[in-house]
């Protein structure tokens, strides 16, 4: 059986004891709050900035680390500008310009020359 507050061995679990505290809301009313902190969080996959999923059940919270989604590459400024201009054109011109934007937005492959 796992010991309370002892560093777990690989593949085992441990129990940590906390007390629900409170923080004040905008109207200075107490709101229940739980603060989890410690190096053990990072050791178990909850490094700073890790997105979390919280499943809420009666008397039970399950925290799951989510894989962060990579940010899409920044769109070139010219593509952003063309998309804004495109909205002011006729439907046919919009389609033509969007075709050009799609070509410009694709990463270019270098060919040996």
C-alpha atoms as a PDB file:
ATOM      1  CA  UNK A   1       0.000   0.000   0.000  1.00  0.00           C
ATOM      2  CA  UNK A   2       1.249   3.489  -0.798  1.00  0.00           C
ATOM      3  CA  UNK A   3       2.544   5.724   1.928  1.00  0.00           C
ATOM      4  CA  UNK A   4       1.269   9.268   2.356  1.00  0.00           C
ATOM      5  CA  UNK A   5       3.747  11.920   1.113  1.00  0.00           C
ATOM      6  CA  UNK A   6       6.455   9.433   0.149  1.00  0.00           C
ATOM      7  CA  UNK A   7       8.063   9.604  -3.248  1.00  0.00           C
ATOM      8  CA  UNK A   8       6.512   6.836  -5.312  1.00  0.00           C
ATOM      9  CA  UNK A   9       8.531   4.159  -7.034  1.00  0.00           C
ATOM     10  CA  UNK A  10       8.123   3.835 -10.778  1.00  0.00           C
ATOM     11  CA  UNK A  11       4.634   2.628 -11.625  1.00  0.00           C
ATOM     12  CA  UNK A  12       3.204   2.931  -8.098  1.00  0.00           C
ATOM     13  CA  UNK A  13       0.942   5.584  -6.670  1.00  0.00           C
ATOM     14  CA  UNK A  14       1.058   7.713  -3.571  1.00  0.00           C
ATOM     15  CA  UNK A  15      -1.523   9.618  -1.572  1.00  0.00           C
ATOM     16  CA  UNK A  16      -1.206  13.302  -0.780  1.00  0.00           C
ATOM     17  CA  UNK A  17      -3.382  15.026   1.795  1.00  0.00           C
ATOM     18  CA  UNK A  18      -4.711  18.543   1.287  1.00  0.00           C
ATOM     19  CA  UNK A  19      -7.429  20.692   2.804  1.00  0.00           C
ATOM     20  CA  UNK A  20      -9.848  22.711   0.724  1.00  0.00           C
ATOM     21  CA  UNK A  21      -9.217  26.383   1.410  1.00  0.00           C
ATOM     22  CA  UNK A  22     -10.780  29.452  -0.125  1.00  0.00           C
ATOM     23  CA  UNK A  23     -10.139  32.552  -2.177  1.00  0.00           C
ATOM     24  CA  UNK A  24     -12.306  35.648  -2.388  1.00  0.00           C
ATOM     25  CA  UNK A  25     -14.389  36.334  -5.488  1.00  0.00           C
ATOM     26  CA  UNK A  26     -15.102  39.773  -6.969  1.00  0.00           C
ATOM     27  CA  UNK A  27     -17.714  40.402  -4.257  1.00  0.00           C
ATOM     28  CA  UNK A  28     -15.272  39.341  -1.495  1.00  0.00           C
ATOM     29  CA  UNK A  29     -17.234  36.158  -0.886  1.00  0.00           C
ATOM     30  CA  UNK A  30     -15.273  32.990  -0.068  1.00  0.00           C
ATOM     31  CA  UNK A  31     -14.985  30.472  -2.907  1.00  0.00           C
ATOM     32  CA  UNK A  32     -13.574  26.955  -2.266  1.00  0.00           C
ATOM     33  CA  UNK A  33     -10.063  26.521  -3.686  1.00  0.00           C
ATOM     34  CA  UNK A  34      -7.405  23.827  -3.860  1.00  0.00           C
ATOM     35  CA  UNK A  35      -3.729  24.599  -4.491  1.00  0.00           C
ATOM     36  CA  UNK A  36      -1.474  21.748  -5.550  1.00  0.00           C
ATOM     37  CA  UNK A  37       2.251  22.422  -5.627  1.00  0.00           C
ATOM     38  CA  UNK A  38       5.500  20.527  -5.407  1.00  0.00           C
ATOM     39  CA  UNK A  39       8.256  19.036  -7.523  1.00  0.00           C
ATOM     40  CA  UNK A  40       6.242  15.826  -7.616  1.00  0.00           C
ATOM     41  CA  UNK A  41       3.837  17.477 -10.084  1.00  0.00           C
ATOM     42  CA  UNK A  42       6.519  17.769 -12.771  1.00  0.00           C
ATOM     43  CA  UNK A  43       7.822  14.304 -11.964  1.00  0.00           C
ATOM     44  CA  UNK A  44       4.355  12.907 -12.681  1.00  0.00           C
ATOM     45  CA  UNK A  45       3.835  14.736 -15.981  1.00  0.00           C
ATOM     46  CA  UNK A  46       2.345  18.045 -14.816  1.00  0.00           C
ATOM     47  CA  UNK A  47       5.100  20.509 -15.712  1.00  0.00           C
ATOM     48  CA  UNK A  48       4.414  24.248 -15.739  1.00  0.00           C
ATOM     49  CA  UNK A  49       2.170  25.109 -18.684  1.00  0.00           C
ATOM     50  CA  UNK A  50       0.742  21.603 -19.089  1.00  0.00           C
ATOM     51  CA  UNK A  51      -2.918  21.752 -20.179  1.00  0.00           C
ATOM     52  CA  UNK A  52      -5.230  19.822 -17.841  1.00  0.00           C
ATOM     53  CA  UNK A  53      -8.519  18.023 -18.146  1.00  0.00           C
ATOM     54  CA  UNK A  54     -10.526  17.865 -14.918  1.00  0.00           C
ATOM     55  CA  UNK A  55     -13.193  15.174 -14.621  1.00  0.00           C
ATOM     56  CA  UNK A  56     -15.665  15.956 -11.858  1.00  0.00           C
ATOM     57  CA  UNK A  57     -17.487  13.171 -10.037  1.00  0.00           C
ATOM     58  CA  UNK A  58     -19.252  13.292  -6.649  1.00  0.00           C
ATOM     59  CA  UNK A  59     -16.421  13.415  -4.100  1.00  0.00           C
ATOM     60  CA  UNK A  60     -13.771  12.826  -6.758  1.00  0.00           C
ATOM     61  CA  UNK A  61     -11.646  14.962  -9.102  1.00  0.00           C
ATOM     62  CA  UNK A  62      -9.519  13.306 -11.773  1.00  0.00           C
ATOM     63  CA  UNK A  63      -6.723  15.450 -13.241  1.00  0.00           C
ATOM     64  CA  UNK A  64      -5.315  14.320 -16.568  1.00  0.00           C
ATOM     65  CA  UNK A  65      -2.396  15.957 -18.360  1.00  0.00           C
ATOM     66  CA  UNK A  66      -3.286  16.767 -21.950  1.00  0.00           C
ATOM     67  CA  UNK A  67      -0.789  16.899 -24.778  1.00  0.00           C
ATOM     68  CA  UNK A  68      -0.340  20.506 -25.803  1.00  0.00           C
ATOM     69  CA  UNK A  69      -1.244  21.298 -29.391  1.00  0.00           C
ATOM     70  CA  UNK A  70       1.601  22.809 -31.406  1.00  0.00           C
ATOM     71  CA  UNK A  71       0.885  26.363 -32.513  1.00  0.00           C
ATOM     72  CA  UNK A  72       0.343  26.700 -36.234  1.00  0.00           C
ATOM     73  CA  UNK A  73       3.115  28.531 -38.038  1.00  0.00           C
ATOM     74  CA  UNK A  74       2.612  32.270 -38.253  1.00  0.00           C
ATOM     75  CA  UNK A  75       0.865  33.380 -41.412  1.00  0.00           C
ATOM     76  CA  UNK A  76       2.900  35.731 -43.587  1.00  0.00           C
ATOM     77  CA  UNK A  77       1.727  39.339 -43.361  1.00  0.00           C
ATOM     78  CA  UNK A  78       1.025  39.489 -47.076  1.00  0.00           C
ATOM     79  CA  UNK A  79      -1.378  36.532 -46.820  1.00  0.00           C
ATOM     80  CA  UNK A  80      -3.245  38.176 -43.920  1.00  0.00           C
ATOM     81  CA  UNK A  81      -3.555  41.421 -45.887  1.00  0.00           C
ATOM     82  CA  UNK A  82      -4.770  39.615 -49.016  1.00  0.00           C
ATOM     83  CA  UNK A  83      -7.443  37.793 -47.003  1.00  0.00           C
ATOM     84  CA  UNK A  84      -8.718  41.134 -45.684  1.00  0.00           C
ATOM     85  CA  UNK A  85      -8.793  42.653 -49.187  1.00  0.00           C
ATOM     86  CA  UNK A  86     -10.458  39.547 -50.579  1.00  0.00           C
ATOM     87  CA  UNK A  87     -13.639  40.183 -48.567  1.00  0.00           C
ATOM     88  CA  UNK A  88     -14.226  43.415 -50.530  1.00  0.00           C
ATOM     89  CA  UNK A  89     -14.114  41.786 -53.990  1.00  0.00           C
ATOM     90  CA  UNK A  90     -16.712  40.060 -56.157  1.00  0.00           C
ATOM     91  CA  UNK A  91     -17.283  36.329 -55.648  1.00  0.00           C
ATOM     92  CA  UNK A  92     -15.265  35.444 -58.768  1.00  0.00           C
ATOM     93  CA  UNK A  93     -12.332  37.682 -57.747  1.00  0.00           C
ATOM     94  CA  UNK A  94     -12.497  36.261 -54.206  1.00  0.00           C
ATOM     95  CA  UNK A  95     -12.154  32.696 -55.543  1.00  0.00           C
ATOM     96  CA  UNK A  96      -9.244  33.693 -57.789  1.00  0.00           C
ATOM     97  CA  UNK A  97      -7.463  35.533 -54.994  1.00  0.00           C
ATOM     98  CA  UNK A  98      -8.052  32.692 -52.516  1.00  0.00           C
ATOM     99  CA  UNK A  99      -6.416  30.309 -55.021  1.00  0.00           C
ATOM    100  CA  UNK A 100      -3.371  32.605 -55.128  1.00  0.00           C
ATOM    101  CA  UNK A 101      -3.346  32.842 -51.304  1.00  0.00           C
ATOM    102  CA  UNK A 102      -3.425  29.037 -50.995  1.00  0.00           C
ATOM    103  CA  UNK A 103      -0.381  28.742 -53.263  1.00  0.00           C
ATOM    104  CA  UNK A 104       1.472  31.464 -51.344  1.00  0.00           C
ATOM    105  CA  UNK A 105       0.628  29.978 -47.949  1.00  0.00           C
ATOM    106  CA  UNK A 106       2.056  26.530 -48.726  1.00  0.00           C
ATOM    107  CA  UNK A 107       5.620  25.890 -47.552  1.00  0.00           C
ATOM    108  CA  UNK A 108       7.976  26.007 -50.500  1.00  0.00           C
ATOM    109  CA  UNK A 109      10.214  23.042 -51.245  1.00  0.00           C
ATOM    110  CA  UNK A 110      13.670  23.821 -52.467  1.00  0.00           C
ATOM    111  CA  UNK A 111      14.814  21.964 -55.517  1.00  0.00           C
ATOM    112  CA  UNK A 112      18.384  21.267 -56.424  1.00  0.00           C
ATOM    113  CA  UNK A 113      19.323  23.451 -59.344  1.00  0.00           C
END
